[in-house]
Amino acid sequence: MSTAPNPGVRSYAAVDLGASSGRVMVGRVGADALELTEAHRFPNRPVRMPEGLRWDVLALYAGVLDGLRAAGAHCGGRLDSVGIDSWAVDYGLLDADGSLLGNPVHYRDTRTDGVAEKVWATVPADELYAATGLQYAPFNTLYQLTAARGSAQLEHAERLLLIPDLLAYWLTGEQGTELTNASTTQLIDPRTRDWSYDTAARLGIDLGLFAPLRRPGDRAGALRPEVLEETGLDGPVPVTAVGSHDTASAVAAVPATGERFAYICTGTWSLAGLELDAPVLTEESRAANFTNELGLDGTVRYLRNIMGLWLLQECLRSWGDPDLGGLLLDAAKVPALRSVVDAGDAAFFAPGRMPERIAGACRASGQPVPRSPAEVTRCILDSLALAHRRAVEDAQRLAGHPVDVVHVVGGGTRNALLCQLTADACGLPVVAGPTEAAALGNVLVQARAHGLVGDRADMRELLVRTQPLTRYEPRGDTARWRAAQARLDPA
């Protein structure tokens, strides 16, 4: 159903792509208005090919076009801008004609197994961290490019575009590399906010493959005439670079009222950390596996990646997708902290047999083995809250940046038990919301680029006024959480 235009309110389409689904959201922004409506949702189903795990990026692009058509119908055929955010690190390769050279490789593909050691033989891990500030993750773009060296696709590639930039190119015909997402490649210097030329040269990576850097708020082109015709939109429709790494957009939508806050972006992953003015590049920070990714307005997203609700998602899949609400009610009745696992353990990274792997980890550490779905679910949620606690504590210590509140945004805000457990574990109040943080941050950066809102403080103040938020106060003593952590620490 279309909505009559309001001269004081503008409409922005946020293309928000996750690892299991994508959607196009319509954001309406005015002086005292911030409303978000889902126009279209579509699946993101990776495909296992003979050569490995691949993204079906053409299906994603078709879903984006369908979503823009639905967004236009919702807004009377007129959008003021489009912005795109997605997961990080993955990319598509283009030939000299601008054609895609095969479907992009999925970050969970095994091609990077053992690659890090080859990289560190040339650039030791401590030097790599000092230069790029990025935590070790086997799927970082740097390792993917090292794994792809000598492949026919890379040999014939003239351009590399990260996933949101690839979709923006197909929509506009213009190429660029958005900075917040580029910072996840492990090829950006977080101090200069430019490429780490020395790192790339030492590893033989051609930075000429990358299109020029863009920053959130930059114009990224306009929808091509063919796209306007296919979507039924009235042109011109600009495409605006946003924080194209979905976590960058989500952090931009944290409804904080000061600087003394931590955030946890919850979903398939939990990204827990701080918003800083400068990176933390110490050896202690590297050993703690914290990353320095770039955010809006010169900020640094100083955070730790935690496996997140992936653990529960995989268990639900193994159990035949039971009713989650009932399962959480049952999990709340299970004794707290009976068994916990390390939610950041790489042993949980691959899909399949997650309940058995969690049970095995508990058995190996001498804890009671969770048997029922409710017991496994409680183990997962206690373990995630424990990992959140440790990340928030470590970040404050390593950055010298104390906090008074933890903001939880993203899909995990719907899980009241996880939010309460996080407050209990951290010993700090948790403010949960907004759920659609990435899409809201996407929309707000577009609105700011068009002069409709002010700086980050203004953006966040608008979020506080317009978005539903839930506050959880900590309960009990944090000593039991310290004791639970001791079970996981090396003897």
Protein backbone atom coordinates (compact mmCIF):
# COMPACT_ATOMS: atom_id res chain seq x y z
CA MET A 1 0.00 0.00 0.00
CA SER A 2 1.49 3.35 -0.98
CA THR A 3 1.64 6.22 1.45
CA ALA A 4 0.91 9.83 0.56
CA PRO A 5 4.10 11.91 0.61
CA ASN A 6 4.70 14.17 3.59
CA PRO A 7 6.72 17.25 2.62
CA GLY A 8 8.53 17.21 5.98
CA VAL A 9 9.46 13.52 5.80
CA ARG A 10 11.76 11.79 3.33
CA SER A 11 11.90 8.12 2.38
CA TYR A 12 15.09 6.07 2.22
CA ALA A 13 15.58 2.46 1.20
CA ALA A 14 18.02 0.46 3.34
CA VAL A 15 19.27 -2.71 1.67
CA ASP A 16 20.44 -4.84 4.61
CA LEU A 17 21.99 -8.19 3.76
CA GLY A 18 22.74 -10.85 6.35
CA ALA A 19 24.29 -14.28 6.14
CA SER A 20 20.92 -16.06 5.98
CA SER A 21 18.53 -13.46 4.57
CA GLY A 22 18.34 -10.04 3.01
CA ARG A 23 15.70 -7.36 3.20
CA VAL A 24 14.88 -3.94 1.90
CA MET A 25 13.57 -1.59 4.57
CA VAL A 26 11.91 1.77 4.04
CA GLY A 27 12.93 4.43 6.52
CA ARG A 28 10.90 7.62 6.90
CA VAL A 29 12.86 10.41 8.52
CA GLY A 30 11.74 13.84 9.67
CA ALA A 31 12.62 16.32 12.40
CA ASP A 32 10.80 14.20 15.00
CA ALA A 33 10.13 11.05 13.02
CA LEU A 34 12.07 7.87 12.42
CA GLU A 35 9.97 4.97 11.22
CA LEU A 36 11.11 1.73 9.64
CA THR A 37 8.99 -0.64 7.57
CA GLU A 38 10.01 -3.89 5.94
CA ALA A 39 9.22 -3.73 2.22
CA HIS A 40 10.63 -7.09 1.15
CA ARG A 41 12.56 -10.00 2.66
CA PHE A 42 14.31 -12.73 0.71
CA PRO A 43 16.49 -15.73 1.56
CA ASN A 44 20.25 -15.82 1.25
CA ARG A 45 21.08 -19.44 0.54
CA PRO A 46 24.75 -20.24 -0.05
CA VAL A 47 25.39 -23.05 -2.52
CA ARG A 48 27.94 -25.83 -2.09
CA MET A 49 29.59 -26.23 -5.49
CA PRO A 50 32.21 -28.83 -6.45
CA GLU A 51 34.84 -26.14 -5.94
CA GLY A 52 33.52 -25.04 -2.53
CA LEU A 53 30.94 -22.90 -0.73
CA ARG A 54 29.68 -19.93 -2.75
CA TRP A 55 27.24 -17.04 -2.34
CA ASP A 56 24.36 -16.92 -4.82
CA VAL A 57 24.95 -13.23 -5.44
CA LEU A 58 22.72 -13.10 -8.52
CA ALA A 59 19.77 -14.23 -6.42
CA LEU A 60 20.68 -11.54 -3.88
CA TYR A 61 20.70 -8.89 -6.59
CA ALA A 62 17.31 -10.09 -7.83
CA GLY A 63 16.04 -9.82 -4.25
CA VAL A 64 17.36 -6.25 -4.03
CA LEU A 65 15.54 -5.30 -7.25
CA ASP A 66 12.33 -6.89 -5.98
CA GLY A 67 12.80 -5.02 -2.72
CA LEU A 68 13.31 -1.67 -4.41
CA ARG A 69 10.16 -2.29 -6.44
CA ALA A 70 8.25 -3.02 -3.23
CA ALA A 71 9.78 0.00 -1.52
CA GLY A 72 8.71 2.22 -4.39
CA ALA A 73 5.17 0.87 -4.22
CA HIS A 74 5.19 1.65 -0.51
CA CYS A 75 6.30 5.26 -1.14
CA GLY A 76 4.28 6.23 -4.20
CA GLY A 77 7.11 5.43 -6.60
CA ARG A 78 9.61 7.87 -5.13
CA LEU A 79 12.67 7.21 -2.97
CA ASP A 80 15.04 9.93 -1.83
CA SER A 81 18.06 7.60 -1.68
CA VAL A 82 19.23 3.99 -1.44
CA GLY A 83 21.98 2.64 0.84
CA ILE A 84 23.45 -0.88 1.07
CA ASP A 85 25.06 -2.71 3.98
CA SER A 86 26.04 -6.37 4.32
CA TRP A 87 28.36 -8.78 6.08
CA ALA A 88 32.08 -8.13 5.75
CA VAL A 89 35.23 -9.56 4.10
CA ASP A 90 33.74 -11.31 1.03
CA TYR A 91 34.06 -9.95 -2.50
CA GLY A 92 33.38 -10.43 -6.19
CA LEU A 93 35.97 -10.26 -8.96
CA LEU A 94 35.30 -8.47 -12.26
CA ASP A 95 37.07 -8.82 -15.59
CA ALA A 96 38.17 -5.96 -17.85
CA ASP A 97 34.62 -5.65 -19.20
CA GLY A 98 33.16 -5.33 -15.72
CA SER A 99 31.62 -8.81 -15.78
CA LEU A 100 31.55 -11.00 -12.69
CA LEU A 101 34.10 -13.83 -12.66
CA GLY A 102 32.09 -16.47 -10.80
CA ASN A 103 30.04 -16.39 -7.64
CA PRO A 104 31.83 -14.92 -4.59
CA VAL A 105 33.41 -17.38 -2.18
CA HIS A 106 31.66 -17.76 1.19
CA TYR A 107 33.73 -16.82 4.25
CA ARG A 108 33.01 -20.25 5.78
CA ASP A 109 34.67 -21.99 2.81
CA THR A 110 37.69 -24.07 3.75
CA ARG A 111 40.12 -22.54 1.25
CA THR A 112 41.74 -20.39 3.96
CA ASP A 113 42.58 -23.36 6.19
CA GLY A 114 46.28 -23.09 7.06
CA VAL A 115 46.74 -19.86 5.07
CA ALA A 116 47.41 -17.64 8.08
CA GLU A 117 50.67 -19.44 8.83
CA LYS A 118 51.85 -18.73 5.27
CA VAL A 119 51.03 -15.04 5.69
CA TRP A 120 52.76 -14.84 9.07
CA ALA A 121 55.91 -16.36 7.57
CA THR A 122 56.19 -13.13 5.55
CA VAL A 123 54.53 -10.64 7.90
CA PRO A 124 54.58 -11.93 11.49
CA ALA A 125 51.26 -11.75 13.32
CA ASP A 126 52.40 -9.01 15.71
CA GLU A 127 53.61 -6.81 12.83
CA LEU A 128 50.38 -7.42 10.93
CA TYR A 129 48.33 -6.31 13.94
CA ALA A 130 50.48 -3.24 14.53
CA ALA A 131 49.94 -2.23 10.89
CA THR A 132 46.24 -3.02 10.46
CA GLY A 133 44.77 -3.42 13.94
CA LEU A 134 42.65 -6.37 12.89
CA GLN A 135 42.18 -9.45 15.02
CA TYR A 136 43.03 -12.81 13.58
CA ALA A 137 40.11 -14.38 11.76
CA PRO A 138 40.79 -17.04 9.13
CA PHE A 139 38.31 -15.50 6.70
CA ASN A 140 39.71 -11.95 6.56
CA THR A 141 40.01 -10.75 2.97
CA LEU A 142 43.80 -10.72 3.20
CA TYR A 143 43.82 -14.48 3.83
CA GLN A 144 41.21 -15.08 1.13
CA LEU A 145 43.35 -13.25 -1.43
CA THR A 146 46.42 -15.21 -0.35
CA ALA A 147 44.46 -18.45 -0.76
CA ALA A 148 43.29 -17.34 -4.22
CA ARG A 149 46.78 -16.54 -5.51
CA GLY A 150 47.42 -18.31 -8.80
CA SER A 151 43.74 -19.05 -9.44
CA ALA A 152 42.35 -18.38 -12.90
CA GLN A 153 39.78 -15.94 -11.56
CA LEU A 154 42.27 -13.79 -9.69
CA GLU A 155 44.71 -13.91 -12.59
CA HIS A 156 42.03 -12.49 -14.92
CA ALA A 157 40.52 -10.01 -12.44
CA GLU A 158 40.76 -6.30 -13.10
CA ARG A 159 38.62 -5.19 -10.15
CA LEU A 160 37.67 -6.47 -6.69
CA LEU A 161 34.45 -5.19 -5.11
CA LEU A 162 33.26 -6.05 -1.62
CA ILE A 163 29.70 -7.38 -1.56
CA PRO A 164 27.79 -4.11 -0.92
CA ASP A 165 30.01 -2.27 -3.40
CA LEU A 166 29.37 -4.98 -6.01
CA LEU A 167 25.61 -4.56 -5.67
CA ALA A 168 25.95 -0.78 -5.76
CA TYR A 169 27.96 -1.13 -8.98
CA TRP A 170 25.22 -3.18 -10.60
CA LEU A 171 22.64 -0.59 -9.53
CA THR A 172 24.61 2.47 -10.64
CA GLY A 173 27.43 1.49 -12.98
CA GLU A 174 29.91 3.24 -10.64
CA GLN A 175 32.65 1.54 -8.61
CA GLY A 176 33.95 2.36 -5.16
CA THR A 177 35.21 0.77 -1.94
CA GLU A 178 33.41 1.93 1.19
CA LEU A 179 35.82 2.49 4.06
CA THR A 180 34.10 0.83 7.05
CA ASN A 181 33.86 -2.43 5.13
CA ALA A 182 37.33 -2.03 3.64
CA SER A 183 38.67 -1.91 7.20
CA THR A 184 37.68 -5.58 7.61
CA THR A 185 40.00 -6.67 4.77
CA GLN A 186 43.11 -6.42 7.02
CA LEU A 187 44.58 -4.12 4.38
CA ILE A 188 43.65 -0.74 5.96
CA ASP A 189 45.79 1.26 8.39
CA PRO A 190 43.31 2.40 11.11
CA ARG A 191 45.49 5.39 11.98
CA THR A 192 45.60 6.91 8.50
CA ARG A 193 42.21 5.46 7.42
CA ASP A 194 43.88 4.58 4.13
CA TRP A 195 45.40 1.43 2.66
CA SER A 196 48.30 -0.23 4.46
CA TYR A 197 50.56 -0.04 1.43
CA ASP A 198 53.54 -1.69 3.11
CA THR A 199 51.48 -4.71 4.23
CA ALA A 200 50.05 -5.21 0.76
CA ALA A 201 53.46 -4.85 -0.90
CA ARG A 202 55.11 -7.39 1.41
CA LEU A 203 52.34 -9.92 0.71
CA GLY A 204 52.21 -9.29 -3.02
CA ILE A 205 48.61 -8.05 -2.96
CA ASP A 206 47.76 -5.61 -5.75
CA LEU A 207 45.81 -2.72 -4.20
CA GLY A 208 45.06 -1.57 -7.75
CA LEU A 209 42.35 -4.23 -7.74
CA PHE A 210 40.34 -2.08 -5.34
CA ALA A 211 38.19 0.82 -6.48
CA PRO A 212 38.76 4.27 -4.88
CA LEU A 213 37.79 4.56 -1.24
CA ARG A 214 34.43 6.07 -0.28
CA ARG A 215 33.26 7.19 3.13
CA PRO A 216 29.81 7.01 4.71
CA GLY A 217 27.70 9.82 3.31
CA ASP A 218 29.52 10.00 -0.03
CA ARG A 219 27.46 9.84 -3.17
CA ALA A 220 27.86 6.41 -4.80
CA GLY A 221 26.01 7.16 -8.05
CA ALA A 222 22.38 7.01 -9.11
CA LEU A 223 20.14 4.14 -10.18
CA ARG A 224 20.70 3.29 -13.84
CA PRO A 225 17.78 3.90 -16.25
CA GLU A 226 17.38 0.13 -16.64
CA VAL A 227 17.05 -0.26 -12.86
CA LEU A 228 14.49 2.54 -12.70
CA GLU A 229 12.48 0.84 -15.43
CA GLU A 230 12.63 -2.56 -13.75
CA THR A 231 11.70 -1.25 -10.29
CA GLY A 232 9.14 1.32 -11.40
CA LEU A 233 10.86 4.08 -9.44
CA ASP A 234 10.74 7.73 -10.45
CA GLY A 235 14.25 9.01 -11.09
CA PRO A 236 16.69 10.27 -10.33
CA VAL A 237 17.34 8.12 -7.25
CA PRO A 238 20.80 8.62 -5.72
CA VAL A 239 22.69 5.77 -4.07
CA THR A 240 24.48 6.93 -0.91
CA ALA A 241 27.46 5.19 0.66
CA VAL A 242 26.56 4.23 4.22
CA GLY A 243 28.48 2.26 6.83
CA SER A 244 28.36 -0.65 4.40
CA HIS A 245 29.66 -3.15 6.95
CA ASP A 246 26.43 -3.97 8.78
CA THR A 247 28.16 -3.66 12.15
CA ALA A 248 29.27 -0.12 11.29
CA SER A 249 25.66 0.78 10.52
CA ALA A 250 24.45 -0.96 13.68
CA VAL A 251 26.93 0.91 15.90
CA ALA A 252 25.84 4.18 14.28
CA ALA A 253 22.34 3.35 15.58
CA VAL A 254 23.35 2.66 19.20
CA PRO A 255 21.05 5.01 21.19
CA ALA A 256 23.75 6.17 23.61
CA THR A 257 23.45 9.48 25.45
CA GLY A 258 27.14 9.84 26.31
CA GLU A 259 30.54 8.29 25.68
CA ARG A 260 30.73 5.84 28.60
CA PHE A 261 29.00 2.94 26.92
CA ALA A 262 29.78 -0.48 25.53
CA TYR A 263 27.78 -2.07 22.74
CA ILE A 264 26.95 -5.61 21.73
CA CYS A 265 25.64 -6.10 18.20
CA THR A 266 23.81 -9.39 18.41
CA GLY A 267 22.80 -11.78 15.68
CA THR A 268 24.61 -14.69 14.06
CA TRP A 269 27.69 -13.10 15.61
CA SER A 270 28.02 -11.06 18.79
CA LEU A 271 30.29 -8.05 18.27
CA ALA A 272 31.10 -6.63 21.68
CA GLY A 273 33.20 -3.56 22.32
CA LEU A 274 33.59 0.19 22.44
CA GLU A 275 33.44 3.22 20.17
CA LEU A 276 36.81 4.98 20.34
CA ASP A 277 38.56 7.95 18.78
CA ALA A 278 41.78 6.04 18.04
CA PRO A 279 42.83 2.41 17.58
CA VAL A 280 44.41 0.27 20.29
CA LEU A 281 47.38 -1.46 18.66
CA THR A 282 49.21 -2.90 21.66
CA GLU A 283 50.51 -6.44 21.83
CA GLU A 284 48.18 -7.05 24.79
CA SER A 285 45.24 -6.04 22.61
CA ARG A 286 46.33 -8.46 19.89
CA ALA A 287 46.73 -11.29 22.39
CA ALA A 288 43.18 -10.60 23.60
CA ASN A 289 41.95 -10.86 19.98
CA PHE A 290 40.39 -7.42 19.74
CA THR A 291 39.91 -5.77 16.40
CA ASN A 292 40.04 -2.13 15.31
CA GLU A 293 37.51 -1.58 12.54
CA LEU A 294 36.55 1.84 11.26
CA GLY A 295 33.25 3.52 11.99
CA LEU A 296 31.39 6.73 11.31
CA ASP A 297 33.06 10.14 11.67
CA GLY A 298 36.59 8.95 12.28
CA THR A 299 35.63 6.55 15.05
CA VAL A 300 37.07 3.10 15.67
CA ARG A 301 34.94 0.06 16.45
CA TYR A 302 37.11 -1.64 19.02
CA LEU A 303 35.52 -5.03 19.51
CA ARG A 304 35.79 -8.77 19.86
CA ASN A 305 33.98 -11.22 17.59
CA ILE A 306 32.03 -13.85 19.53
CA MET A 307 30.31 -16.79 17.85
CA GLY A 308 26.89 -15.40 18.82
CA LEU A 309 23.43 -16.81 18.21
CA TRP A 310 24.91 -18.99 15.46
CA LEU A 311 25.28 -21.60 18.21
CA LEU A 312 21.55 -21.58 18.92
CA GLN A 313 20.58 -21.25 15.25
CA GLU A 314 22.53 -24.39 14.41
CA CYS A 315 20.99 -26.28 17.33
CA LEU A 316 17.49 -25.25 16.27
CA ARG A 317 18.23 -26.54 12.80
CA SER A 318 19.43 -29.85 14.24
CA TRP A 319 16.27 -30.13 16.35
CA GLY A 320 13.91 -29.49 13.42
CA ASP A 321 13.24 -25.80 14.23
CA PRO A 322 11.09 -26.12 17.39
CA ASP A 323 9.14 -23.15 18.78
CA LEU A 324 11.79 -20.75 20.08
CA GLY A 325 9.51 -18.98 22.56
CA GLY A 326 8.64 -22.20 24.36
CA LEU A 327 12.25 -23.34 24.31
CA LEU A 328 13.41 -20.09 25.95
CA LEU A 329 10.75 -20.44 28.66
CA ASP A 330 12.02 -23.94 29.40
CA ALA A 331 15.65 -22.77 29.33
CA ALA A 332 14.87 -20.09 31.92
CA LYS A 333 13.90 -22.88 34.35
CA VAL A 334 17.25 -24.68 33.97
CA PRO A 335 19.71 -23.91 36.82
CA ALA A 336 22.00 -21.04 35.91
CA LEU A 337 25.63 -21.62 34.93
CA ARG A 338 25.36 -25.39 35.28
CA SER A 339 27.58 -25.78 32.21
CA VAL A 340 29.33 -23.19 30.03
CA VAL A 341 31.49 -23.29 26.91
CA ASP A 342 33.85 -20.81 25.27
CA ALA A 343 31.55 -19.04 22.79
CA GLY A 344 34.56 -17.82 20.84
CA ASP A 345 36.03 -21.28 20.29
CA ALA A 346 36.78 -21.98 16.63
CA ALA A 347 35.49 -25.52 17.22
CA PHE A 348 31.96 -24.08 16.86
CA PHE A 349 32.63 -22.20 13.61
CA ALA A 350 31.56 -24.84 11.08
CA PRO A 351 27.91 -25.84 10.60
CA GLY A 352 26.43 -29.18 11.67
CA ARG A 353 26.02 -31.30 14.83
CA MET A 354 26.14 -28.29 17.15
CA PRO A 355 24.32 -29.90 20.11
CA GLU A 356 26.78 -32.79 20.07
CA ARG A 357 29.78 -30.45 19.87
CA ILE A 358 28.52 -28.36 22.80
CA ALA A 359 27.93 -31.51 24.84
CA GLY A 360 31.43 -32.72 23.96
CA ALA A 361 33.01 -29.44 25.09
CA CYS A 362 31.21 -29.67 28.43
CA ARG A 363 32.29 -33.28 28.86
CA ALA A 364 35.91 -32.43 28.06
CA SER A 365 35.97 -29.66 30.67
CA GLY A 366 34.48 -31.91 33.36
CA GLN A 367 31.13 -30.14 33.57
CA PRO A 368 27.63 -31.67 33.55
CA VAL A 369 26.67 -32.58 29.99
CA PRO A 370 23.49 -30.82 28.77
CA ARG A 371 21.07 -33.39 27.37
CA SER A 372 17.73 -31.79 26.57
CA PRO A 373 17.18 -28.89 24.15
CA ALA A 374 16.34 -26.67 27.12
CA GLU A 375 19.62 -27.55 28.86
CA VAL A 376 21.66 -26.98 25.70
CA THR A 377 19.89 -23.67 25.10
CA ARG A 378 20.58 -22.51 28.66
CA CYS A 379 24.23 -23.53 28.27
CA ILE A 380 24.45 -21.44 25.08
CA LEU A 381 22.81 -18.34 26.58
CA ASP A 382 24.86 -18.49 29.79
CA SER A 383 27.99 -18.94 27.66
CA LEU A 384 27.14 -15.97 25.44
CA ALA A 385 26.45 -13.76 28.47
CA LEU A 386 29.78 -14.88 29.94
CA ALA A 387 31.57 -14.05 26.68
CA HIS A 388 29.84 -10.65 26.60
CA ARG A 389 31.03 -9.98 30.15
CA ARG A 390 34.61 -10.88 29.34
CA ALA A 391 34.67 -8.77 26.16
CA VAL A 392 33.23 -5.70 27.90
CA GLU A 393 35.66 -6.04 30.81
CA ASP A 394 38.67 -6.63 28.57
CA ALA A 395 37.79 -3.74 26.25
CA GLN A 396 37.55 -1.28 29.13
CA ARG A 397 40.89 -2.41 30.53
CA LEU A 398 42.77 -2.48 27.22
CA ALA A 399 41.43 0.87 26.00
CA GLY A 400 41.38 2.65 29.36
CA HIS A 401 37.77 3.54 28.65
CA PRO A 402 35.32 2.80 31.51
CA VAL A 403 31.62 2.35 30.82
CA ASP A 404 28.40 2.73 32.81
CA VAL A 405 25.95 0.93 30.52
CA VAL A 406 25.86 -1.78 27.87
CA HIS A 407 23.74 -1.25 24.77
CA VAL A 408 22.50 -4.41 23.06
CA VAL A 409 21.26 -3.93 19.50
CA GLY A 410 20.23 -6.29 16.73
CA GLY A 411 18.30 -9.53 16.66
CA GLY A 412 19.36 -10.60 20.14
CA THR A 413 17.25 -7.81 21.66
CA ARG A 414 14.23 -10.07 21.09
CA ASN A 415 15.78 -12.61 23.47
CA ALA A 416 14.88 -11.20 26.89
CA LEU A 417 16.65 -14.03 28.71
CA LEU A 418 19.94 -13.31 26.93
CA CYS A 419 19.64 -9.57 27.65
CA GLN A 420 18.96 -10.17 31.35
CA LEU A 421 21.80 -12.68 31.63
CA THR A 422 24.14 -10.18 29.96
CA ALA A 423 23.17 -7.52 32.52
CA ASP A 424 23.70 -10.03 35.35
CA ALA A 425 27.07 -11.15 33.98
CA CYS A 426 28.41 -7.66 33.31
CA GLY A 427 27.04 -6.19 36.54
CA LEU A 428 25.83 -3.24 34.46
CA PRO A 429 22.45 -2.11 33.18
CA VAL A 430 21.66 -3.27 29.67
CA VAL A 431 19.59 -1.12 27.30
CA ALA A 432 18.17 -3.35 24.57
CA GLY A 433 17.15 -1.88 21.25
CA PRO A 434 16.75 -1.06 18.51
CA THR A 435 16.33 -4.50 16.98
CA GLU A 436 16.77 -3.22 13.42
CA ALA A 437 19.93 -1.29 14.26
CA ALA A 438 21.82 -1.93 11.00
CA ALA A 439 18.91 -0.77 8.84
CA LEU A 440 18.31 2.28 11.07
CA GLY A 441 21.99 3.25 10.94
CA ASN A 442 21.89 2.82 7.17
CA VAL A 443 18.84 5.10 6.91
CA LEU A 444 20.23 7.73 9.30
CA VAL A 445 23.51 8.08 7.38
CA GLN A 446 21.51 8.63 4.19
CA ALA A 447 19.31 11.20 5.93
CA ARG A 448 22.35 12.98 7.33
CA ALA A 449 23.99 13.09 3.91
CA HIS A 450 20.87 14.86 2.66
CA GLY A 451 20.83 17.39 5.51
CA LEU A 452 17.86 15.96 7.37
CA VAL A 453 19.67 15.15 10.65
CA GLY A 454 22.82 16.48 12.27
CA ASP A 455 25.85 14.82 13.81
CA ARG A 456 26.09 11.41 15.53
CA ALA A 457 24.75 12.87 18.78
CA ASP A 458 21.70 14.19 16.91
CA MET A 459 21.20 10.81 15.23
CA ARG A 460 21.32 9.03 18.56
CA GLU A 461 19.03 11.52 20.25
CA LEU A 462 16.46 10.91 17.50
CA LEU A 463 16.76 7.16 18.13
CA VAL A 464 16.16 7.62 21.87
CA ARG A 465 13.02 9.69 21.16
CA THR A 466 11.53 7.40 18.54
CA GLN A 467 12.61 3.78 19.14
CA PRO A 468 11.31 1.34 21.77
CA LEU A 469 14.06 0.49 24.27
CA THR A 470 14.04 -1.95 27.19
CA ARG A 471 16.26 -1.59 30.25
CA TYR A 472 17.51 -4.61 32.22
CA GLU A 473 19.03 -4.05 35.65
CA PRO A 474 21.71 -6.49 36.87
CA ARG A 475 20.64 -9.08 39.43
CA GLY A 476 22.75 -10.93 41.96
CA ASP A 477 26.48 -11.00 42.54
CA THR A 478 28.93 -11.23 39.64
CA ALA A 479 31.11 -13.61 41.68
CA ARG A 480 29.28 -16.64 40.27
CA TRP A 481 30.11 -15.43 36.76
CA ARG A 482 33.76 -15.08 37.69
CA ALA A 483 33.67 -18.64 38.99
CA ALA A 484 32.07 -19.85 35.76
CA GLN A 485 34.78 -18.12 33.75
CA ALA A 486 37.44 -19.85 35.83
CA ARG A 487 36.15 -23.19 34.55
CA LEU A 488 37.12 -22.15 31.03
CA ASP A 489 40.43 -20.47 31.76
CA PRO A 490 43.59 -22.56 31.27
CA ALA A 491 44.89 -24.10 34.47
